[in-house]
């Protein structure tokens, strides 16, 4: 079951790591235990100055939940949806 969330989150990175160490959502800091997927999307159909870049991460939190987060530019992250655990 997927559950759409669509809320802004703060994402923290460990020093020197390209992957998040935690996300802060609704006042709670949630530790990231694993990155399951990392992909980038670029809109090549637009002119170069109008292109939109998006980074999509699927992460597992310490409590076992699997979330998909999207980053459009540094410091701008959205908790897009909660996903079913692919290992369940």
Foldseek 3Di string as FASTA:
>chain_A
DKFFDWAWWFFDCDPPDPDTQWIADPNDTWGFDFWPDWDKDWDPVDDPVPIWIKIWIWTATPVGWIWIKIDGDPGTITGTITDDDPVD
